[in-house]
Amino acid sequence: MVKEQLGINAGFVRAMCFNTANRTMNINNKTTHYSLKEAPNPSDVKWENQGIRKRQIFLARLITFFLSFLLLGISFGIILGLKVAQKKITDEALKSNTNSSFSSFTFRLLSVAIGFVVTIINGILSMVMRMLTEYERPPTQTSFMGSLSLKIMFVETSE
């Protein structure tokens, strides 16, 4: 197939496949520019995502990163709000100089609530990050995992 299309020795093309640099070749007195790179493993290819333009992938990636940062901001706001409420209850208890069991119970209840909220938010972010990465329509499973790992890194470092 390659031999008929290019009119050259297929062994030459096979030898060139290990070099990913751009090359120039004269075929039938025409200068042709080409770039060869090793094909991904067929089991790694997401066949349903083949044929997607790079511009579409880039725009989808921009949208998913924007939504990821928006979700991180929302989760940060929720956790911050709970921490502020907890601090306010603590300050009110200290101002009134009462060591009531109600304020102590409320403080502990908010502490547990914050833990539950963080766990729920992490679970939701995990599912949403996976869905957003699928929306990008990466061409291979490796690129899917790379993009997902980058998003998870941002989530883990922001919390």
Protein backbone atom coordinates (compact mmCIF):
# COMPACT_ATOMS: atom_id res chain seq x y z
CA MET A 1 0.00 0.00 0.00
CA VAL A 2 2.70 2.48 0.98
CA LYS A 3 4.80 1.38 -1.94
CA GLU A 4 2.03 2.07 -4.43
CA GLN A 5 1.05 5.41 -2.90
CA LEU A 6 4.54 6.81 -2.56
CA GLY A 7 6.28 4.88 -5.32
CA ILE A 8 9.14 4.03 -2.97
CA ASN A 9 10.54 1.01 -1.20
CA ALA A 10 8.29 0.06 1.77
CA GLY A 11 11.40 -1.01 3.72
CA PHE A 12 12.60 2.59 3.57
CA VAL A 13 9.31 3.79 5.08
CA ARG A 14 9.46 1.11 7.76
CA ALA A 15 12.98 2.22 8.70
CA MET A 16 11.86 5.86 8.83
CA CYS A 17 8.97 5.12 11.23
CA PHE A 18 11.31 5.16 14.20
CA ASN A 19 12.27 8.77 13.52
CA THR A 20 9.54 11.33 14.29
CA ALA A 21 11.28 14.29 12.66
CA ASN A 22 9.77 16.12 9.71
CA ARG A 23 11.26 15.08 6.40
CA THR A 24 11.20 16.11 2.75
CA MET A 25 11.16 13.65 -0.13
CA ASN A 26 11.16 14.03 -3.90
CA ILE A 27 8.51 11.81 -5.48
CA ASN A 28 7.93 12.03 -9.23
CA ASN A 29 9.88 15.30 -9.34
CA LYS A 30 7.62 16.88 -6.67
CA THR A 31 8.83 17.89 -3.25
CA THR A 32 6.63 16.32 -0.58
CA HIS A 33 6.79 17.18 3.11
CA TYR A 34 5.81 14.46 5.52
CA SER A 35 6.06 13.54 9.15
CA LEU A 36 6.17 10.01 10.40
CA LYS A 37 5.50 8.91 13.93
CA GLU A 38 4.95 5.59 15.55
CA ALA A 39 1.30 4.55 15.59
CA PRO A 40 -0.32 3.99 18.99
CA ASN A 41 -1.13 0.47 20.11
CA PRO A 42 -4.54 -0.50 18.61
CA SER A 43 -5.88 -1.39 22.05
CA ASP A 44 -4.98 2.14 23.21
CA VAL A 45 -6.88 3.90 20.42
CA LYS A 46 -10.35 5.21 21.20
CA TRP A 47 -11.79 4.46 17.77
CA GLU A 48 -15.00 6.43 18.34
CA ASN A 49 -12.90 9.59 18.81
CA GLN A 50 -10.90 9.27 15.60
CA GLY A 51 -11.40 11.96 12.99
CA ILE A 52 -12.02 14.70 15.52
CA ARG A 53 -10.27 17.91 14.53
CA LYS A 54 -7.52 19.21 16.79
CA ARG A 55 -9.34 22.53 17.06
CA GLN A 56 -12.43 20.78 18.44
CA ILE A 57 -10.29 18.91 20.94
CA PHE A 58 -8.56 22.14 21.97
CA LEU A 59 -11.87 24.01 22.45
CA ALA A 60 -13.32 21.10 24.41
CA ARG A 61 -10.21 21.05 26.59
CA LEU A 62 -10.55 24.80 27.28
CA ILE A 63 -14.20 24.34 28.24
CA THR A 64 -13.44 21.40 30.53
CA PHE A 65 -10.60 23.21 32.30
CA PHE A 66 -12.82 26.27 32.80
CA LEU A 67 -15.61 24.10 34.23
CA SER A 68 -13.09 22.24 36.40
CA PHE A 69 -11.83 25.47 37.92
CA LEU A 70 -15.41 26.68 38.38
CA LEU A 71 -16.30 23.48 40.24
CA LEU A 72 -13.20 23.82 42.38
CA GLY A 73 -14.20 27.38 43.25
CA ILE A 74 -17.70 26.28 44.20
CA SER A 75 -16.40 23.46 46.40
CA PHE A 76 -13.91 25.85 48.00
CA GLY A 77 -16.76 28.29 48.73
CA ILE A 78 -18.91 25.60 50.33
CA ILE A 79 -16.09 24.38 52.57
CA LEU A 80 -15.08 27.95 53.43
CA GLY A 81 -18.69 28.78 54.35
CA LEU A 82 -18.87 25.83 56.71
CA LYS A 83 -15.54 26.78 58.30
CA VAL A 84 -16.72 30.39 58.79
CA ALA A 85 -19.94 29.13 60.43
CA GLN A 86 -17.88 26.91 62.70
CA LYS A 87 -15.60 29.82 63.64
CA LYS A 88 -18.60 32.07 64.29
CA ILE A 89 -20.14 29.54 66.68
CA THR A 90 -16.82 29.18 68.49
CA ASP A 91 -16.42 32.95 68.82
CA GLU A 92 -19.98 33.37 70.13
CA ALA A 93 -19.41 30.66 72.71
CA LEU A 94 -16.20 32.36 73.87
CA LYS A 95 -17.87 35.81 74.05
CA SER A 96 -20.76 34.57 76.15
CA ASN A 97 -18.32 32.79 78.49
CA THR A 98 -20.67 29.87 78.65
CA ASN A 99 -19.52 26.40 78.12
CA SER A 100 -22.94 25.20 77.05
CA SER A 101 -23.35 21.74 75.68
CA PHE A 102 -25.40 23.17 72.80
CA SER A 103 -22.52 25.23 71.35
CA SER A 104 -20.11 22.35 71.91
CA PHE A 105 -22.52 19.97 70.18
CA THR A 106 -23.04 22.41 67.29
CA PHE A 107 -19.29 22.87 66.89
CA ARG A 108 -18.73 19.12 66.70
CA LEU A 109 -21.70 18.65 64.42
CA LEU A 110 -20.25 21.21 62.00
CA SER A 111 -16.86 19.48 62.18
CA VAL A 112 -18.46 16.20 61.17
CA ALA A 113 -20.53 17.98 58.50
CA ILE A 114 -17.39 19.48 57.00
CA GLY A 115 -15.84 16.02 56.80
CA PHE A 116 -18.95 14.62 55.09
CA VAL A 117 -19.13 17.57 52.70
CA VAL A 118 -15.47 17.16 51.71
CA THR A 119 -16.04 13.43 51.09
CA ILE A 120 -19.16 14.09 49.00
CA ILE A 121 -17.48 16.90 47.05
CA ASN A 122 -14.47 14.67 46.30
CA GLY A 123 -16.76 11.93 45.01
CA ILE A 124 -18.73 14.36 42.85
CA LEU A 125 -15.56 16.00 41.52
CA SER A 126 -14.16 12.58 40.65
CA MET A 127 -17.23 11.69 38.57
CA VAL A 128 -17.47 15.13 36.97
CA MET A 129 -13.77 15.22 36.08
CA ARG A 130 -14.10 11.86 34.35
CA MET A 131 -17.18 13.06 32.40
CA LEU A 132 -15.46 16.31 31.44
CA THR A 133 -12.39 14.44 30.24
CA GLU A 134 -14.61 12.15 28.12
CA TYR A 135 -16.17 15.32 26.64
CA GLU A 136 -12.73 16.29 25.34
CA ARG A 137 -12.86 13.16 23.12
CA PRO A 138 -9.19 12.21 23.43
CA PRO A 139 -7.89 10.02 20.58
CA THR A 140 -6.22 7.44 22.83
CA GLN A 141 -6.72 5.97 26.27
CA THR A 142 -3.27 7.27 27.20
CA SER A 143 -4.23 10.88 26.38
CA PHE A 144 -7.49 10.39 28.31
CA MET A 145 -5.59 9.25 31.40
CA GLY A 146 -3.06 12.07 31.01
CA SER A 147 -5.77 14.73 30.86
CA LEU A 148 -7.68 13.16 33.75
CA SER A 149 -4.49 12.98 35.83
CA LEU A 150 -3.82 16.66 35.22
CA LYS A 151 -7.31 17.58 36.42
CA ILE A 152 -7.01 15.35 39.49
CA MET A 153 -3.66 16.96 40.28
CA PHE A 154 -5.33 20.39 40.27
CA VAL A 155 -8.13 19.10 42.51
CA GLU A 156 -5.74 17.49 44.99
CA THR A 157 -3.43 20.48 45.21
CA SER A 158 -6.28 22.96 45.60
CA GLU A 159 -7.84 21.22 48.59
